[in-house]
Amino acid sequence: MEQHTLTVEKREKLGKGVARKLRRAGKLPGVLYGLGNNTSVTLDPRPILKLLLSEGGRNKILNLSGEGLVGKHVFIKDYQVDPVSRVLLHVDLLEIDVTKMIDVTVNLNFVGKSIGVAEGGVLNIIERSIAIRCIPTAIPQHIDVDVTNLAIGHSFHLEELTLPAGIERSGKGNPTLVTVVPPTKEEEAVASLTPTAEPEVITEKKPAEGEAAPAAGEKKDEKKK
């Protein structure tokens, strides 16, 4: 797992007013949840924002730099963002022991084109991340899931996933990660374009030249043999 250096400063003054002043000055207030005592800190928001926008950024180890904090290793535990401006408001850092196993969540990366998709099926991703347990330095950026052999109607479960060396499943259960479903056929009501046949109109035979036409309602006598 890639590691980064993060410079932080301890801060004594607390409160919402102090936090607003720090933000106006371009700094980010935060709290370091240590293995011993918790410490209020101030830092540059740009490295935190860059990590949050990168793949697996919350799982990257941060080596602290600052008076009294050198040598500490942390993760981004939590953060707050303004819902309108999307500006970082606060960050929580969690100190870790890099020699001990921890529980983290890692994204899944689905690779390959499945047999079912080639036959017209649809790949239905159900879980995009899983919980794992390992030492902090062994956390992968993501875990690949090969769906090549997945046919229509078949599913891939967590127990079928081969994890990298040194990584264990965290938690119980065997959830479905991905499945291939049959293609959806939309039934459309199509109006018939064939015009309705008009009823045959039977007209009376026109009288021959010189022959009087029959009066209204009168039937013409049949020709005698």
C-alpha atoms as a PDB file:
ATOM      1  CA  MET A   1       0.000   0.000   0.000  1.00  0.00           C
ATOM      2  CA  GLU A   2       1.314   3.396  -1.014  1.00  0.00           C
ATOM      3  CA  GLN A   3       2.193   5.725   1.862  1.00  0.00           C
ATOM      4  CA  HIS A   4       2.088   9.525   2.048  1.00  0.00           C
ATOM      5  CA  THR A   5       3.467  12.146   4.401  1.00  0.00           C
ATOM      6  CA  LEU A   6       0.958  14.517   5.979  1.00  0.00           C
ATOM      7  CA  THR A   7       1.992  17.631   7.891  1.00  0.00           C
ATOM      8  CA  VAL A   8      -0.279  18.553  10.810  1.00  0.00           C
ATOM      9  CA  GLU A   9      -0.174  21.050  13.649  1.00  0.00           C
ATOM     10  CA  LYS A  10      -1.630  20.679  17.109  1.00  0.00           C
ATOM     11  CA  ARG A  11      -4.223  23.297  18.029  1.00  0.00           C
ATOM     12  CA  GLU A  12      -5.294  24.419  21.457  1.00  0.00           C
ATOM     13  CA  LYS A  13      -8.236  26.676  20.620  1.00  0.00           C
ATOM     14  CA  LEU A  14     -11.486  24.898  19.893  1.00  0.00           C
ATOM     15  CA  GLY A  15     -15.032  25.819  18.945  1.00  0.00           C
ATOM     16  CA  LYS A  16     -17.055  26.655  15.830  1.00  0.00           C
ATOM     17  CA  GLY A  17     -15.763  30.211  15.683  1.00  0.00           C
ATOM     18  CA  VAL A  18     -12.154  29.069  15.685  1.00  0.00           C
ATOM     19  CA  ALA A  19     -12.928  26.459  13.010  1.00  0.00           C
ATOM     20  CA  ARG A  20     -14.496  29.087  10.750  1.00  0.00           C
ATOM     21  CA  LYS A  21     -11.430  31.332  11.093  1.00  0.00           C
ATOM     22  CA  LEU A  22      -9.168  28.426  10.190  1.00  0.00           C
ATOM     23  CA  ARG A  23     -11.187  27.666   7.065  1.00  0.00           C
ATOM     24  CA  ARG A  24     -11.119  31.320   5.990  1.00  0.00           C
ATOM     25  CA  ALA A  25      -7.334  31.147   6.323  1.00  0.00           C
ATOM     26  CA  GLY A  26      -7.266  28.112   4.005  1.00  0.00           C
ATOM     27  CA  LYS A  27      -6.684  25.543   6.741  1.00  0.00           C
ATOM     28  CA  LEU A  28      -8.649  22.451   7.692  1.00  0.00           C
ATOM     29  CA  PRO A  29      -9.562  21.638  11.308  1.00  0.00           C
ATOM     30  CA  GLY A  30      -9.463  18.023  12.371  1.00  0.00           C
ATOM     31  CA  VAL A  31      -9.100  15.505  15.176  1.00  0.00           C
ATOM     32  CA  LEU A  32      -6.483  12.792  15.510  1.00  0.00           C
ATOM     33  CA  TYR A  33      -7.922   9.762  17.267  1.00  0.00           C
ATOM     34  CA  GLY A  34      -4.748   8.285  18.698  1.00  0.00           C
ATOM     35  CA  LEU A  35      -3.892   4.961  20.234  1.00  0.00           C
ATOM     36  CA  GLY A  36      -3.665   6.919  23.477  1.00  0.00           C
ATOM     37  CA  ASN A  37      -5.122  10.426  23.705  1.00  0.00           C
ATOM     38  CA  ASN A  38      -7.091  12.304  21.039  1.00  0.00           C
ATOM     39  CA  THR A  39      -5.552  15.496  19.642  1.00  0.00           C
ATOM     40  CA  SER A  40      -7.133  18.476  17.860  1.00  0.00           C
ATOM     41  CA  VAL A  41      -5.106  19.369  14.775  1.00  0.00           C
ATOM     42  CA  THR A  42      -4.933  21.744  11.817  1.00  0.00           C
ATOM     43  CA  LEU A  43      -3.714  20.811   8.328  1.00  0.00           C
ATOM     44  CA  ASP A  44      -3.705  21.710   4.647  1.00  0.00           C
ATOM     45  CA  PRO A  45      -6.961  20.469   3.043  1.00  0.00           C
ATOM     46  CA  ARG A  46      -5.427  19.874  -0.402  1.00  0.00           C
ATOM     47  CA  PRO A  47      -3.630  16.561   0.319  1.00  0.00           C
ATOM     48  CA  ILE A  48      -6.779  15.207   2.001  1.00  0.00           C
ATOM     49  CA  LEU A  49      -8.981  16.229  -0.929  1.00  0.00           C
ATOM     50  CA  LYS A  50      -6.569  14.631  -3.392  1.00  0.00           C
ATOM     51  CA  LEU A  51      -6.639  11.368  -1.462  1.00  0.00           C
ATOM     52  CA  LEU A  52     -10.428  11.332  -1.242  1.00  0.00           C
ATOM     53  CA  LEU A  53     -10.674  11.718  -5.007  1.00  0.00           C
ATOM     54  CA  SER A  54      -8.239   8.868  -5.706  1.00  0.00           C
ATOM     55  CA  GLU A  55      -9.009   5.153  -5.796  1.00  0.00           C
ATOM     56  CA  GLY A  56      -8.680   3.626  -2.337  1.00  0.00           C
ATOM     57  CA  GLY A  57      -7.616   6.979  -0.898  1.00  0.00           C
ATOM     58  CA  ARG A  58      -9.198   6.342   2.482  1.00  0.00           C
ATOM     59  CA  ASN A  59      -7.124   3.171   2.854  1.00  0.00           C
ATOM     60  CA  LYS A  60      -3.763   4.825   2.192  1.00  0.00           C
ATOM     61  CA  ILE A  61      -1.372   5.126   5.105  1.00  0.00           C
ATOM     62  CA  LEU A  62      -0.439   8.674   6.092  1.00  0.00           C
ATOM     63  CA  ASN A  63       2.831   9.226   7.936  1.00  0.00           C
ATOM     64  CA  LEU A  64       2.428  12.275  10.144  1.00  0.00           C
ATOM     65  CA  SER A  65       4.889  15.109  10.217  1.00  0.00           C
ATOM     66  CA  GLY A  66       4.614  17.802  12.883  1.00  0.00           C
ATOM     67  CA  GLU A  67       5.761  18.642  16.381  1.00  0.00           C
ATOM     68  CA  GLY A  68       5.060  15.741  18.703  1.00  0.00           C
ATOM     69  CA  LEU A  69       3.395  13.709  15.962  1.00  0.00           C
ATOM     70  CA  VAL A  70       6.290  12.388  13.901  1.00  0.00           C
ATOM     71  CA  GLY A  71       6.262   8.614  13.498  1.00  0.00           C
ATOM     72  CA  LYS A  72       2.493   8.226  13.815  1.00  0.00           C
ATOM     73  CA  HIS A  73       0.619   6.383  11.049  1.00  0.00           C
ATOM     74  CA  VAL A  74      -3.003   7.266  10.317  1.00  0.00           C
ATOM     75  CA  PHE A  75      -5.935   6.671   7.993  1.00  0.00           C
ATOM     76  CA  ILE A  76      -8.689   9.095   7.040  1.00  0.00           C
ATOM     77  CA  LYS A  77     -11.425   7.919   9.408  1.00  0.00           C
ATOM     78  CA  ASP A  78     -14.163  10.362   8.410  1.00  0.00           C
ATOM     79  CA  TYR A  79     -14.700  13.814   6.936  1.00  0.00           C
ATOM     80  CA  GLN A  80     -17.339  16.510   6.470  1.00  0.00           C
ATOM     81  CA  VAL A  81     -18.085  18.418   3.272  1.00  0.00           C
ATOM     82  CA  ASP A  82     -20.260  21.493   2.756  1.00  0.00           C
ATOM     83  CA  PRO A  83     -23.319  20.225   0.819  1.00  0.00           C
ATOM     84  CA  VAL A  84     -23.437  23.333  -1.389  1.00  0.00           C
ATOM     85  CA  SER A  85     -19.842  24.458  -1.966  1.00  0.00           C
ATOM     86  CA  ARG A  86     -18.362  20.924  -1.594  1.00  0.00           C
ATOM     87  CA  VAL A  87     -15.560  22.445   0.492  1.00  0.00           C
ATOM     88  CA  LEU A  88     -13.952  20.236   3.141  1.00  0.00           C
ATOM     89  CA  LEU A  89     -15.070  21.326   6.599  1.00  0.00           C
ATOM     90  CA  HIS A  90     -13.466  18.806   8.942  1.00  0.00           C
ATOM     91  CA  VAL A  91     -11.452  15.590   8.917  1.00  0.00           C
ATOM     92  CA  ASP A  92     -10.959  12.790  11.442  1.00  0.00           C
ATOM     93  CA  LEU A  93      -7.694  10.877  11.393  1.00  0.00           C
ATOM     94  CA  LEU A  94      -7.313   7.439  12.987  1.00  0.00           C
ATOM     95  CA  GLU A  95      -3.931   6.328  14.294  1.00  0.00           C
ATOM     96  CA  ILE A  96      -3.029   2.714  13.487  1.00  0.00           C
ATOM     97  CA  ASP A  97      -0.388   0.156  14.346  1.00  0.00           C
ATOM     98  CA  VAL A  98       1.051  -0.958  11.000  1.00  0.00           C
ATOM     99  CA  THR A  99       2.089  -4.320  12.477  1.00  0.00           C
ATOM    100  CA  LYS A 100      -1.455  -5.355  13.463  1.00  0.00           C
ATOM    101  CA  MET A 101      -4.311  -6.527  11.278  1.00  0.00           C
ATOM    102  CA  ILE A 102      -7.254  -4.179  10.745  1.00  0.00           C
ATOM    103  CA  ASP A 103     -10.642  -4.348   9.030  1.00  0.00           C
ATOM    104  CA  VAL A 104     -11.096  -2.201   5.924  1.00  0.00           C
ATOM    105  CA  THR A 105     -13.374  -2.000   2.894  1.00  0.00           C
ATOM    106  CA  VAL A 106     -11.850  -2.447  -0.568  1.00  0.00           C
ATOM    107  CA  ASN A 107     -13.426  -1.846  -3.987  1.00  0.00           C
ATOM    108  CA  LEU A 108     -13.982  -4.700  -6.446  1.00  0.00           C
ATOM    109  CA  ASN A 109     -12.744  -4.426 -10.035  1.00  0.00           C
ATOM    110  CA  PHE A 110     -14.678  -6.614 -12.489  1.00  0.00           C
ATOM    111  CA  VAL A 111     -12.491  -7.792 -15.376  1.00  0.00           C
ATOM    112  CA  GLY A 112     -13.059  -9.839 -18.523  1.00  0.00           C
ATOM    113  CA  LYS A 113     -16.088 -10.246 -20.782  1.00  0.00           C
ATOM    114  CA  SER A 114     -18.344 -13.006 -19.583  1.00  0.00           C
ATOM    115  CA  ILE A 115     -19.711 -15.775 -21.779  1.00  0.00           C
ATOM    116  CA  GLY A 116     -23.211 -14.701 -20.828  1.00  0.00           C
ATOM    117  CA  VAL A 117     -22.678 -11.111 -21.939  1.00  0.00           C
ATOM    118  CA  ALA A 118     -21.275 -12.351 -25.272  1.00  0.00           C
ATOM    119  CA  GLU A 119     -24.535 -14.296 -25.695  1.00  0.00           C
ATOM    120  CA  GLY A 120     -26.628 -11.191 -25.078  1.00  0.00           C
ATOM    121  CA  GLY A 121     -27.000 -11.293 -21.301  1.00  0.00           C
ATOM    122  CA  VAL A 122     -26.524  -8.334 -18.955  1.00  0.00           C
ATOM    123  CA  LEU A 123     -23.836  -8.164 -16.253  1.00  0.00           C
ATOM    124  CA  ASN A 124     -25.554  -7.256 -12.990  1.00  0.00           C
ATOM    125  CA  ILE A 125     -23.067  -6.044 -10.359  1.00  0.00           C
ATOM    126  CA  ILE A 126     -24.524  -6.466  -6.875  1.00  0.00           C
ATOM    127  CA  GLU A 127     -21.559  -5.711  -4.596  1.00  0.00           C
ATOM    128  CA  ARG A 128     -18.937  -3.112  -5.534  1.00  0.00           C
ATOM    129  CA  SER A 129     -16.798  -3.529  -2.415  1.00  0.00           C
ATOM    130  CA  ILE A 130     -16.043  -6.115   0.257  1.00  0.00           C
ATOM    131  CA  ALA A 131     -14.737  -6.047   3.828  1.00  0.00           C
ATOM    132  CA  ILE A 132     -11.306  -7.594   4.335  1.00  0.00           C
ATOM    133  CA  ARG A 133      -8.803  -8.011   7.156  1.00  0.00           C
ATOM    134  CA  CYS A 134      -5.035  -7.572   6.803  1.00  0.00           C
ATOM    135  CA  ILE A 135      -2.098  -5.506   8.022  1.00  0.00           C
ATOM    136  CA  PRO A 136      -2.252  -1.869   6.825  1.00  0.00           C
ATOM    137  CA  THR A 137       0.760  -2.170   4.526  1.00  0.00           C
ATOM    138  CA  ALA A 138      -0.897  -5.050   2.613  1.00  0.00           C
ATOM    139  CA  ILE A 139      -4.171  -3.291   1.745  1.00  0.00           C
ATOM    140  CA  PRO A 140      -4.699  -3.573  -2.036  1.00  0.00           C
ATOM    141  CA  GLN A 141      -5.970  -0.668  -4.104  1.00  0.00           C
ATOM    142  CA  HIS A 142      -8.733  -2.958  -5.348  1.00  0.00           C
ATOM    143  CA  ILE A 143      -9.454  -6.669  -5.808  1.00  0.00           C
ATOM    144  CA  ASP A 144     -10.077  -8.114  -9.293  1.00  0.00           C
ATOM    145  CA  VAL A 145     -13.087 -10.325  -9.989  1.00  0.00           C
ATOM    146  CA  ASP A 146     -12.777 -12.304 -13.253  1.00  0.00           C
ATOM    147  CA  VAL A 147     -16.237 -12.762 -14.796  1.00  0.00           C
ATOM    148  CA  THR A 148     -15.071 -14.437 -18.033  1.00  0.00           C
ATOM    149  CA  ASN A 149     -16.669 -17.832 -17.317  1.00  0.00           C
ATOM    150  CA  LEU A 150     -19.956 -16.430 -16.019  1.00  0.00           C
ATOM    151  CA  ALA A 151     -22.873 -17.660 -18.164  1.00  0.00           C
ATOM    152  CA  ILE A 152     -26.439 -16.379 -18.325  1.00  0.00           C
ATOM    153  CA  GLY A 153     -28.281 -17.244 -15.112  1.00  0.00           C
ATOM    154  CA  HIS A 154     -25.068 -17.885 -13.175  1.00  0.00           C
ATOM    155  CA  SER A 155     -23.726 -15.917 -10.196  1.00  0.00           C
ATOM    156  CA  PHE A 156     -20.346 -15.310  -8.588  1.00  0.00           C
ATOM    157  CA  HIS A 157     -20.220 -15.403  -4.782  1.00  0.00           C
ATOM    158  CA  LEU A 158     -17.730 -14.109  -2.251  1.00  0.00           C
ATOM    159  CA  GLU A 159     -16.510 -17.608  -1.341  1.00  0.00           C
ATOM    160  CA  GLU A 160     -15.429 -18.127  -4.971  1.00  0.00           C
ATOM    161  CA  LEU A 161     -13.151 -15.081  -4.869  1.00  0.00           C
ATOM    162  CA  THR A 162      -9.430 -15.774  -4.545  1.00  0.00           C
ATOM    163  CA  LEU A 163      -7.953 -13.146  -2.228  1.00  0.00           C
ATOM    164  CA  PRO A 164      -4.326 -11.978  -2.431  1.00  0.00           C
ATOM    165  CA  ALA A 165      -1.852 -13.517  -0.005  1.00  0.00           C
ATOM    166  CA  GLY A 166      -2.091 -12.166   3.521  1.00  0.00           C
ATOM    167  CA  ILE A 167      -5.686 -10.978   3.123  1.00  0.00           C
ATOM    168  CA  GLU A 168      -8.667 -12.554   4.863  1.00  0.00           C
ATOM    169  CA  ARG A 169     -12.399 -12.114   4.568  1.00  0.00           C
ATOM    170  CA  SER A 170     -13.923  -9.945   7.252  1.00  0.00           C
ATOM    171  CA  GLY A 171     -17.353 -10.882   8.539  1.00  0.00           C
ATOM    172  CA  LYS A 172     -19.658 -13.778   7.801  1.00  0.00           C
ATOM    173  CA  GLY A 173     -21.976 -14.723   4.979  1.00  0.00           C
ATOM    174  CA  ASN A 174     -21.491 -15.515   1.320  1.00  0.00           C
ATOM    175  CA  PRO A 175     -23.076 -12.647  -0.615  1.00  0.00           C
ATOM    176  CA  THR A 176     -23.521 -12.656  -4.379  1.00  0.00           C
ATOM    177  CA  LEU A 177     -21.041 -10.274  -5.969  1.00  0.00           C
ATOM    178  CA  VAL A 178     -22.190 -10.352  -9.591  1.00  0.00           C
ATOM    179  CA  THR A 179     -24.573 -12.259 -11.837  1.00  0.00           C
ATOM    180  CA  VAL A 180     -25.486 -12.393 -15.525  1.00  0.00           C
ATOM    181  CA  VAL A 181     -29.190 -12.006 -16.220  1.00  0.00           C
ATOM    182  CA  PRO A 182     -31.086 -12.735 -19.462  1.00  0.00           C
ATOM    183  CA  PRO A 183     -31.679  -9.783 -21.787  1.00  0.00           C
ATOM    184  CA  THR A 184     -34.851  -7.844 -21.089  1.00  0.00           C
ATOM    185  CA  LYS A 185     -37.468  -7.930 -23.872  1.00  0.00           C
ATOM    186  CA  GLU A 186     -39.845  -5.001 -23.900  1.00  0.00           C
ATOM    187  CA  GLU A 187     -43.273  -5.989 -25.098  1.00  0.00           C
ATOM    188  CA  GLU A 188     -44.607  -3.245 -27.286  1.00  0.00           C
ATOM    189  CA  ALA A 189     -48.224  -3.023 -28.350  1.00  0.00           C
ATOM    190  CA  VAL A 190     -48.034  -2.583 -32.125  1.00  0.00           C
ATOM    191  CA  ALA A 191     -51.172  -1.356 -33.831  1.00  0.00           C
ATOM    192  CA  SER A 192     -52.082  -3.234 -36.999  1.00  0.00           C
ATOM    193  CA  LEU A 193     -51.157  -1.265 -40.080  1.00  0.00           C
ATOM    194  CA  THR A 194     -53.441  -3.386 -42.348  1.00  0.00           C
ATOM    195  CA  PRO A 195     -56.498  -1.294 -43.289  1.00  0.00           C
ATOM    196  CA  THR A 196     -59.907  -2.779 -42.546  1.00  0.00           C
ATOM    197  CA  ALA A 197     -61.528  -4.132 -45.715  1.00  0.00           C
ATOM    198  CA  GLU A 198     -64.528  -2.101 -46.801  1.00  0.00           C
ATOM    199  CA  PRO A 199     -67.820  -4.019 -47.277  1.00  0.00           C
ATOM    200  CA  GLU A 200     -68.597  -4.869 -50.871  1.00  0.00           C
ATOM    201  CA  VAL A 201     -71.184  -2.514 -52.362  1.00  0.00           C
ATOM    202  CA  ILE A 202     -73.668  -4.324 -54.604  1.00  0.00           C
ATOM    203  CA  THR A 203     -75.199  -2.013 -57.152  1.00  0.00           C
ATOM    204  CA  GLU A 204     -78.160  -2.713 -59.404  1.00  0.00           C
ATOM    205  CA  LYS A 205     -77.524  -3.478 -63.009  1.00  0.00           C
ATOM    206  CA  LYS A 206     -77.888  -0.449 -65.197  1.00  0.00           C
ATOM    207  CA  PRO A 207     -80.830  -0.659 -67.620  1.00  0.00           C
ATOM    208  CA  ALA A 208     -80.010  -1.360 -71.199  1.00  0.00           C
ATOM    209  CA  GLU A 209     -80.313   1.426 -73.696  1.00  0.00           C
ATOM    210  CA  GLY A 210     -83.969   2.094 -74.325  1.00  0.00           C
ATOM    211  CA  GLU A 211     -85.092   0.135 -71.260  1.00  0.00           C
ATOM    212  CA  ALA A 212     -86.892   1.996 -68.500  1.00  0.00           C
ATOM    213  CA  ALA A 213     -85.361   1.974 -65.076  1.00  0.00           C
ATOM    214  CA  PRO A 214     -87.451   0.275 -62.351  1.00  0.00           C
ATOM    215  CA  ALA A 215     -89.371   2.501 -60.009  1.00  0.00           C
ATOM    216  CA  ALA A 216     -88.098   2.984 -56.456  1.00  0.00           C
ATOM    217  CA  GLY A 217     -88.684  -0.110 -54.373  1.00  0.00           C
ATOM    218  CA  GLU A 218     -89.728  -2.125 -57.444  1.00  0.00           C
ATOM    219  CA  LYS A 219     -87.761  -5.219 -58.391  1.00  0.00           C
ATOM    220  CA  LYS A 220     -86.988  -5.827 -61.987  1.00  0.00           C
ATOM    221  CA  ASP A 221     -88.555  -8.991 -63.416  1.00  0.00           C
ATOM    222  CA  GLU A 222     -86.149 -11.787 -64.032  1.00  0.00           C
ATOM    223  CA  LYS A 223     -85.547 -12.640 -67.640  1.00  0.00           C
ATOM    224  CA  LYS A 224     -87.656 -15.551 -68.700  1.00  0.00           C
ATOM    225  CA  LYS A 225     -85.927 -18.446 -70.240  1.00  0.00           C
END
